[in-house]
Structure formats: structure tokens, C-alpha cells
């Protein structure tokens, strides 16, 4: 079997494609894979690190501003849309895949359209509760649309849809709370985990600093926080607020979290953005959360992702425009104080989880390929 995958621009589109490839490789080790990504996109690094071959096209997204530079960039994007389709067609004809899988982002548009025109069976995977523009447009001609959540169905009224869930890493499904706490050297005090993404979210860092500083002074909670690439100011801010990090062993402050399955398993409460894959992991682990959606994403999709959990009683939401250290600390205290309520959040999150998403996705791919033959 030969599988072509397209998705890029953000890790939210790239990582699902890599997870899908990993599942197919596990089920069918003889499968040949090829990714197509943007020439300058982060997919070049992530896909190569994962050990898959990748070919490049040159594509960009449309800007919504009204400045002259935005207009010039959009003219350039129109040109690239045409040339990228030609580039994609040549790559696809050479590879001759049995199926093309698109996971969203503007890079998947010309690839999936070119594959469909060449008669290649296509399927797209939408990770969010509110779909991106590319996937909504592509769904008009694709054989199957795989959705992460039931709430997204209404946005694909004319498509053949199936709810598969988001692919979740195996380590997330098997991580154990007590074992993870032992591994991390944590005791039985409540554990708070917070992060704002690999780059770091400034407003989350500023608000979380209040909660971290208080725990550094009174030892109330154990707190793991990742401040990200642009959050170097965070340790100093915590100390300005009165905590001595050198004398607070209950605080684990770092730029990145590279052992997320253990950290998330150990946590009693998670404070984070509302990216689709992160939310799927919270659901799989049954983790109560305070969600702070990023306002700087297409279609405001993180807000819609978060509301799917809020409406199910699985999480609390604070919009970034309302976020303060005082409000965040108050919400965290309220949730952690009431163990019965915390357990209810956990149960509601688990009820939303689709823990066999990998198997569901593979079943869809397998059926499409077999029907082609």
C-alpha cells in the first residue's frame, strides 16, 4: 500500500498526520509513505525527524488585513495556488499512491485537489470542533471526512462523514497516575500542570505566575509549568512576586515539557490552550482542565473546541481577554477544593474520549483502499 499525506503550517495539522502514518505503519509495516509539505514549513523538520520522506511545494495562506502589504501577499498566494497545484500533480503522478490523506492547513488544499483530479481516493481528517476553511472546501469532492468530534458534523452537510476521534499517542493511553508521580518525585499534594504551547503564551505565563508564586511560598500545590521559547521572563516574574525558586522543591518550572504523558498523568488539574490534540489527550486521561483558548487562530476554532468540553461538563473556560492571575487562582482553588466536583469533571472528560481513534482511522483507510482495488 502507498499512502500520501498532506498537512502542515502548524503542529496541530502535522502531528495528526504523523500519528495516522504511525498507526498505518504498525498495522501494515510494508506500507510506503510520502508526505507533501510547504517548502519552508515546520513539517520539513517534524516529518524528517519521524523518519518519513517528504516532498515540497511552495504555498502560502491568504491574509485578512487591508494594508498594501497584505494585498501584495494575497496576489502572491494566488500565484502560488496555481503553481503549487502543478508541483503537487507531478509529485503525485511519480509516487502513484493508493490513497491521499489530508489533515488540514493550506498546504493540504492543492495536494488533495490534485490527487482527486488524478482519480486517487482521498480522505480528510478534521481535528477541530469548528473546521478550517481548507477542509470545508475539500469535503465537497472527497470520498470520506473523518471528524474528531460529533459537533463538527453540521459543518459538512453534503459530505460522507464518520466520527473517528483524534489520533492519540499510545503513551497517553497507558500512563498511570501513581507511577508517574513516583517517577516525577511528587507527593500526595494536588498537582497542577500548566503550559501555553512550545512558543509560550505571554498572557498565560503572566497569570500562572501568581498561582505558581503563591504555591512557592505556602507549598499548597505542586506545580509543573512550561513557559515556552519566548517565556524566559517567567522565572524572574515568579521571584518578583515573592517566591524563592531555589527553596521551592514543589515547583517544576521549565521551558518545555518533553515527558507530557507522565506530567499529564500525574496532574489533578491542567491549565492550557484548547488545541484539538491536547483536548483529546485530556479526555483520554480524564483530566479536569481550565481552558484558555488562543484568540489568534483561524476561525477562532480553539474557543469552539473548548466549548465542546465545557458544554459536556468536562472543563472550565476563561477567555484570554478576561484572564488575570487573580481569576485563574480563584478558579483553580475552587476546582481543587471540591474533590467530588473534580471527579465529576474527570468522568465527563472520559465520557467524551475516543480511545480507539487510531483503529477507527485505520479501518476507514483500509476500506477505501480495498474498494479501490
Protein backbone atom coordinates (compact mmCIF):
# COMPACT_ATOMS: atom_id res chain seq x y z
CA UNK A 1 0.00 0.00 0.00
CA UNK A 2 1.23 3.51 -0.88
CA UNK A 3 -0.05 6.39 1.25
CA UNK A 4 0.29 10.08 0.51
CA UNK A 5 -0.21 12.53 3.41
CA UNK A 6 -0.59 16.30 3.30
CA UNK A 7 -0.96 18.70 6.21
CA UNK A 8 1.12 21.49 7.58
CA UNK A 9 1.56 25.02 8.76
CA UNK A 10 1.14 24.16 12.45
CA UNK A 11 1.90 21.20 14.67
CA UNK A 12 -1.88 20.80 15.05
CA UNK A 13 -2.06 19.63 11.44
CA UNK A 14 1.32 17.89 11.21
CA UNK A 15 1.18 15.71 14.33
CA UNK A 16 -2.17 14.08 13.41
CA UNK A 17 -0.71 13.18 10.01
CA UNK A 18 2.32 11.64 11.71
CA UNK A 19 0.08 9.75 14.15
CA UNK A 20 -2.02 8.39 11.29
CA UNK A 21 1.12 7.31 9.44
CA UNK A 22 2.39 5.62 12.60
CA UNK A 23 -0.84 3.67 13.01
CA UNK A 24 -0.85 2.52 9.38
CA UNK A 25 2.81 1.53 9.64
CA UNK A 26 2.03 -0.52 12.75
CA UNK A 27 -0.85 -2.30 11.01
CA UNK A 28 0.86 -2.62 7.63
CA UNK A 29 4.67 -2.47 8.02
CA UNK A 30 5.16 -2.83 4.27
CA UNK A 31 3.36 0.46 3.52
CA UNK A 32 5.21 3.13 1.55
CA UNK A 33 4.66 6.71 2.73
CA UNK A 34 5.22 10.13 1.23
CA UNK A 35 4.41 13.47 2.84
CA UNK A 36 3.98 16.67 0.88
CA UNK A 37 4.62 19.87 2.80
CA UNK A 38 5.32 23.54 2.35
CA UNK A 39 8.90 24.27 1.38
CA UNK A 40 9.54 26.45 4.43
CA UNK A 41 7.07 24.86 6.87
CA UNK A 42 7.82 23.21 10.20
CA UNK A 43 6.63 19.93 8.65
CA UNK A 44 10.02 19.66 6.95
CA UNK A 45 11.68 19.21 10.34
CA UNK A 46 8.97 17.20 12.11
CA UNK A 47 8.35 14.73 9.28
CA UNK A 48 12.06 14.17 8.68
CA UNK A 49 12.66 13.62 12.41
CA UNK A 50 9.90 10.99 12.40
CA UNK A 51 11.71 9.13 9.62
CA UNK A 52 9.34 9.70 6.71
CA UNK A 53 10.19 11.04 3.24
CA UNK A 54 8.78 14.44 2.31
CA UNK A 55 8.49 16.39 -0.94
CA UNK A 56 7.91 20.13 -1.09
CA UNK A 57 5.56 22.58 -2.76
CA UNK A 58 5.50 26.35 -2.31
CA UNK A 59 2.22 27.66 -0.94
CA UNK A 60 1.03 30.36 1.45
CA UNK A 61 -2.22 31.35 3.12
CA UNK A 62 -4.36 34.41 2.49
CA UNK A 63 -4.00 37.42 4.79
CA UNK A 64 -7.10 39.10 6.18
CA UNK A 65 -5.60 42.55 6.67
CA UNK A 66 -6.27 45.59 4.49
CA UNK A 67 -2.75 47.01 4.33
CA UNK A 68 -0.99 47.25 0.93
CA UNK A 69 1.45 44.55 2.05
CA UNK A 70 -1.47 42.19 2.76
CA UNK A 71 -2.83 42.79 -0.74
CA UNK A 72 0.58 42.06 -2.30
CA UNK A 73 0.94 38.90 -0.22
CA UNK A 74 -2.50 37.73 -1.34
CA UNK A 75 -1.60 38.27 -5.00
CA UNK A 76 1.49 36.16 -4.39
CA UNK A 77 -0.69 33.49 -2.74
CA UNK A 78 -3.00 33.34 -5.79
CA UNK A 79 0.02 32.72 -8.00
CA UNK A 80 1.36 30.09 -5.63
CA UNK A 81 -2.01 28.33 -5.56
CA UNK A 82 -1.69 27.75 -9.30
CA UNK A 83 1.98 26.76 -9.31
CA UNK A 84 1.63 24.56 -6.20
CA UNK A 85 -1.13 22.55 -7.89
CA UNK A 86 1.23 21.85 -10.80
CA UNK A 87 4.00 20.89 -8.39
CA UNK A 88 1.67 18.60 -6.41
CA UNK A 89 0.41 16.90 -9.57
CA UNK A 90 3.94 15.99 -10.67
CA UNK A 91 4.81 14.56 -7.24
CA UNK A 92 1.59 12.55 -7.05
CA UNK A 93 1.99 11.11 -10.56
CA UNK A 94 5.50 9.99 -9.73
CA UNK A 95 4.55 8.38 -6.38
CA UNK A 96 1.23 6.95 -7.62
CA UNK A 97 -0.42 6.48 -4.19
CA UNK A 98 -3.35 4.22 -3.34
CA UNK A 99 -4.84 6.92 -1.11
CA UNK A 100 -4.30 10.58 -0.22
CA UNK A 101 -4.95 11.74 3.35
CA UNK A 102 -5.24 15.44 4.15
CA UNK A 103 -5.10 16.71 7.73
CA UNK A 104 -5.75 20.40 7.11
CA UNK A 105 -3.79 23.59 6.74
CA UNK A 106 -3.44 25.43 3.44
CA UNK A 107 -0.73 23.06 2.21
CA UNK A 108 -3.23 20.21 2.02
CA UNK A 109 -5.52 22.12 -0.37
CA UNK A 110 -3.57 21.86 -3.64
CA UNK A 111 -2.36 18.34 -2.81
CA UNK A 112 -5.79 16.82 -2.11
CA UNK A 113 -7.38 18.64 -5.06
CA UNK A 114 -4.65 17.42 -7.42
CA UNK A 115 -4.97 13.86 -6.13
CA UNK A 116 -8.75 13.89 -6.59
CA UNK A 117 -8.40 15.14 -10.17
CA UNK A 118 -6.00 12.28 -10.85
CA UNK A 119 -8.56 9.76 -9.60
CA UNK A 120 -6.75 9.00 -6.32
CA UNK A 121 -9.18 8.18 -3.45
CA UNK A 122 -8.99 10.99 -0.89
CA UNK A 123 -9.93 11.30 2.75
CA UNK A 124 -9.55 14.27 5.08
CA UNK A 125 -9.26 14.37 8.86
CA UNK A 126 -10.63 17.37 10.76
CA UNK A 127 -9.23 17.74 14.28
CA UNK A 128 -11.36 20.64 15.49
CA UNK A 129 -14.96 21.17 16.58
CA UNK A 130 -15.08 24.13 14.17
CA UNK A 131 -13.46 23.06 10.88
CA UNK A 132 -10.86 25.02 8.99
CA UNK A 133 -11.64 26.62 5.64
CA UNK A 134 -9.44 24.22 3.67
CA UNK A 135 -11.16 21.09 4.95
CA UNK A 136 -14.64 22.54 4.40
CA UNK A 137 -13.77 23.32 0.80
CA UNK A 138 -12.10 19.96 0.19
CA UNK A 139 -15.04 18.00 1.64
CA UNK A 140 -17.13 18.80 -1.42
CA UNK A 141 -15.23 16.32 -3.52
CA UNK A 142 -13.61 13.84 -1.12
CA UNK A 143 -14.74 10.29 -0.53
CA UNK A 144 -14.75 10.48 3.27
CA UNK A 145 -14.38 13.07 6.03
CA UNK A 146 -13.11 11.83 9.40
CA UNK A 147 -14.11 14.02 12.34
CA UNK A 148 -12.67 14.33 15.82
CA UNK A 149 -15.95 15.34 17.44
CA UNK A 150 -19.66 14.92 16.76
CA UNK A 151 -20.19 18.70 16.97
CA UNK A 152 -18.35 19.20 13.66
CA UNK A 153 -20.89 17.19 11.64
CA UNK A 154 -23.15 20.17 10.98
CA UNK A 155 -20.39 21.93 9.05
CA UNK A 156 -20.21 19.11 6.48
CA UNK A 157 -23.88 18.75 5.39
CA UNK A 158 -23.08 17.27 1.99
CA UNK A 159 -20.10 15.08 2.90
CA UNK A 160 -19.78 11.41 3.79
CA UNK A 161 -18.63 11.80 7.40
CA UNK A 162 -17.56 9.43 10.15
CA UNK A 163 -16.55 10.33 13.72
CA UNK A 164 -13.17 8.72 14.39
CA UNK A 165 -11.74 10.99 17.07
CA UNK A 166 -8.22 12.40 17.04
CA UNK A 167 -5.28 10.02 16.98
CA UNK A 168 -3.80 9.81 20.50
CA UNK A 169 -0.28 8.69 21.40
CA UNK A 170 -0.10 5.24 22.96
CA UNK A 171 1.88 6.60 25.93
CA UNK A 172 -1.07 8.83 26.82
CA UNK A 173 -3.42 5.87 26.93
CA UNK A 174 -1.16 3.75 29.14
CA UNK A 175 0.34 6.32 31.57
CA UNK A 176 -0.53 5.66 35.22
CA UNK A 177 -1.10 8.47 37.74
CA UNK A 178 0.68 6.98 40.76
CA UNK A 179 3.59 5.59 38.76
CA UNK A 180 4.02 8.94 37.03
CA UNK A 181 4.01 10.77 40.37
CA UNK A 182 6.69 8.46 41.70
CA UNK A 183 8.76 8.93 38.56
CA UNK A 184 8.49 12.72 38.90
CA UNK A 185 9.22 12.68 42.65
CA UNK A 186 5.82 14.09 43.61
CA UNK A 187 3.93 13.54 46.87
CA UNK A 188 0.18 13.44 47.57
CA UNK A 189 -0.44 17.20 47.48
CA UNK A 190 -2.53 18.40 44.49
CA UNK A 191 -0.57 18.65 41.24
CA UNK A 192 -1.22 21.45 38.76
CA UNK A 193 0.14 21.22 35.21
CA UNK A 194 0.16 24.33 33.02
CA UNK A 195 1.54 25.22 29.61
CA UNK A 196 0.79 27.53 26.71
CA UNK A 197 2.47 25.82 23.78
CA UNK A 198 6.05 25.44 22.58
CA UNK A 199 6.49 29.17 21.93
CA UNK A 200 4.88 30.18 25.20
CA UNK A 201 1.74 32.28 25.67
CA UNK A 202 2.59 35.59 27.34
CA UNK A 203 -0.78 36.17 28.99
CA UNK A 204 -0.93 32.62 30.33
CA UNK A 205 2.59 32.97 31.71
CA UNK A 206 1.68 36.24 33.42
CA UNK A 207 -1.48 34.82 35.00
CA UNK A 208 0.01 31.47 36.01
CA UNK A 209 2.88 33.31 37.72
CA UNK A 210 0.51 34.36 40.51
CA UNK A 211 -0.58 30.79 41.20
CA UNK A 212 2.98 29.44 40.98
CA UNK A 213 4.37 32.17 43.25
CA UNK A 214 1.76 31.50 45.92
CA UNK A 215 2.49 27.76 45.86
CA UNK A 216 6.18 28.58 46.08
CA UNK A 217 5.52 30.48 49.31
CA UNK A 218 2.86 28.32 51.01
CA UNK A 219 3.55 24.89 49.43
CA UNK A 220 -0.17 24.37 48.81
CA UNK A 221 0.20 22.78 45.38
CA UNK A 222 2.87 21.04 43.40
CA UNK A 223 3.11 22.81 40.07
CA UNK A 224 4.67 21.84 36.74
CA UNK A 225 4.79 24.76 34.30
CA UNK A 226 6.33 25.11 30.83
CA UNK A 227 6.85 28.74 29.84
CA UNK A 228 7.94 28.18 26.22
CA UNK A 229 10.52 29.64 23.88
CA UNK A 230 9.56 33.27 24.46
CA UNK A 231 8.76 32.96 28.17
CA UNK A 232 12.26 33.40 29.59
CA UNK A 233 10.93 36.20 31.79
CA UNK A 234 8.74 33.75 33.74
CA UNK A 235 11.16 32.56 36.49
CA UNK A 236 12.11 36.16 37.26
CA UNK A 237 8.45 37.19 37.37
CA UNK A 238 7.67 34.44 39.89
CA UNK A 239 10.51 35.59 42.12
CA UNK A 240 9.35 39.21 41.83
CA UNK A 241 6.03 38.01 43.24
CA UNK A 242 7.76 36.68 46.35
CA UNK A 243 8.71 33.05 45.69
CA UNK A 244 12.28 31.77 46.02
CA UNK A 245 12.52 29.08 43.34
CA UNK A 246 15.70 27.68 44.86
CA UNK A 247 13.76 26.90 48.05
CA UNK A 248 10.56 25.60 46.45
CA UNK A 249 11.01 21.90 45.53
CA UNK A 250 7.26 21.69 44.87
CA UNK A 251 7.74 23.83 41.75
CA UNK A 252 8.96 22.35 38.45
CA UNK A 253 9.49 25.29 36.11
CA UNK A 254 10.98 24.65 32.68
CA UNK A 255 10.93 25.92 29.07
CA UNK A 256 9.42 22.75 27.58
CA UNK A 257 7.73 19.54 28.65
CA UNK A 258 9.24 16.59 26.83
CA UNK A 259 7.60 13.97 29.05
CA UNK A 260 3.99 15.10 28.68
CA UNK A 261 2.38 11.66 29.22
CA UNK A 262 3.91 11.44 32.72
CA UNK A 263 3.22 15.09 33.59
CA UNK A 264 -0.39 14.92 32.44
CA UNK A 265 -1.00 11.58 34.15
CA UNK A 266 0.33 13.00 37.44
CA UNK A 267 -1.83 16.14 37.32
CA UNK A 268 -5.05 16.79 39.23
CA UNK A 269 -5.73 19.91 37.19
CA UNK A 270 -4.44 21.09 33.80
CA UNK A 271 -4.32 24.73 32.67
CA UNK A 272 -3.73 25.08 28.94
CA UNK A 273 -4.81 26.24 25.50
CA UNK A 274 -7.56 24.41 23.61
CA UNK A 275 -5.72 22.82 20.72
CA UNK A 276 -7.55 19.78 19.37
CA UNK A 277 -4.89 17.16 20.11
CA UNK A 278 -4.29 18.47 23.64
CA UNK A 279 -8.02 18.24 24.37
CA UNK A 280 -8.19 14.69 23.03
CA UNK A 281 -5.36 13.77 25.40
CA UNK A 282 -7.15 15.42 28.33
CA UNK A 283 -10.27 13.42 27.51
CA UNK A 284 -8.37 10.15 27.16
CA UNK A 285 -6.80 10.68 30.60
CA UNK A 286 -9.94 12.13 32.18
CA UNK A 287 -8.20 15.31 33.30
CA UNK A 288 -10.14 18.29 34.70
CA UNK A 289 -8.97 21.46 32.97
CA UNK A 290 -9.13 25.22 32.86
CA UNK A 291 -9.01 26.05 29.15
CA UNK A 292 -7.74 29.39 27.84
CA UNK A 293 -8.35 29.35 24.06
CA UNK A 294 -5.94 31.21 21.86
CA UNK A 295 -7.68 34.16 20.18
CA UNK A 296 -5.01 34.20 17.45
CA UNK A 297 -6.08 31.13 15.46
CA UNK A 298 -8.13 30.71 12.28
CA UNK A 299 -11.93 30.79 12.71
CA UNK A 300 -11.43 31.11 16.49
CA UNK A 301 -11.50 27.31 16.46
CA UNK A 302 -9.92 26.88 19.90
CA UNK A 303 -12.92 28.58 21.51
CA UNK A 304 -15.26 26.11 19.78
CA UNK A 305 -13.01 23.22 20.82
CA UNK A 306 -13.11 24.37 24.43
CA UNK A 307 -16.89 24.89 24.46
CA UNK A 308 -17.41 21.27 23.40
CA UNK A 309 -15.81 20.24 26.72
CA UNK A 310 -17.45 22.99 28.76
CA UNK A 311 -20.90 22.05 27.48
CA UNK A 312 -20.22 18.44 28.42
CA UNK A 313 -19.24 19.42 31.98
CA UNK A 314 -15.64 18.36 31.40
CA UNK A 315 -13.78 21.67 31.77
CA UNK A 316 -13.89 25.34 32.77
CA UNK A 317 -13.13 28.16 30.31
CA UNK A 318 -11.51 31.55 30.79
CA UNK A 319 -11.24 33.73 27.70
CA UNK A 320 -7.87 35.41 27.32
CA UNK A 321 -9.49 38.86 27.34
CA UNK A 322 -10.73 38.17 30.89
CA UNK A 323 -7.66 36.31 32.15
CA UNK A 324 -5.94 37.60 35.28
CA UNK A 325 -3.77 35.94 37.89
CA UNK A 326 -6.43 36.54 40.50
CA UNK A 327 -9.23 34.93 38.45
CA UNK A 328 -7.09 31.94 37.45
CA UNK A 329 -6.02 31.31 41.05
CA UNK A 330 -9.62 31.57 42.23
CA UNK A 331 -10.84 29.06 39.64
CA UNK A 332 -8.02 26.63 40.37
CA UNK A 333 -8.72 26.80 44.12
CA UNK A 334 -12.46 26.22 43.57
CA UNK A 335 -11.87 23.17 41.42
CA UNK A 336 -9.18 21.60 43.59
CA UNK A 337 -11.05 22.29 46.84
CA UNK A 338 -14.09 20.20 45.86
CA UNK A 339 -12.83 16.66 45.23
CA UNK A 340 -16.29 15.35 44.32
CA UNK A 341 -16.73 18.06 41.71
CA UNK A 342 -13.22 17.43 40.41
CA UNK A 343 -14.10 13.76 39.99
CA UNK A 344 -17.22 14.75 38.05
CA UNK A 345 -15.12 16.82 35.63
CA UNK A 346 -12.87 13.78 35.18
CA UNK A 347 -15.77 11.43 34.48
CA UNK A 348 -17.31 13.81 31.96
CA UNK A 349 -13.98 14.16 30.16
CA UNK A 350 -13.55 10.40 29.95
CA UNK A 351 -17.06 10.00 28.53
CA UNK A 352 -16.05 12.27 25.66
CA UNK A 353 -12.89 10.33 24.91
CA UNK A 354 -12.50 8.19 21.82
CA UNK A 355 -9.62 5.96 22.83
CA UNK A 356 -9.69 3.75 19.75
CA UNK A 357 -9.36 6.62 17.26
CA UNK A 358 -6.25 5.09 15.72
CA UNK A 359 -8.09 1.85 14.94
CA UNK A 360 -11.12 3.73 13.58
CA UNK A 361 -8.94 5.80 11.27
CA UNK A 362 -7.09 2.75 10.00
CA UNK A 363 -10.39 0.99 9.31
CA UNK A 364 -11.54 3.90 7.13
CA UNK A 365 -8.24 3.98 5.20
CA UNK A 366 -8.20 0.19 4.74
CA UNK A 367 -11.77 0.10 3.42
CA UNK A 368 -11.17 2.91 0.92
CA UNK A 369 -8.02 1.25 -0.44
CA UNK A 370 -9.71 -2.16 -0.69
CA UNK A 371 -12.71 -0.67 -2.51
CA UNK A 372 -10.36 0.98 -4.99
CA UNK A 373 -8.93 -2.39 -5.86
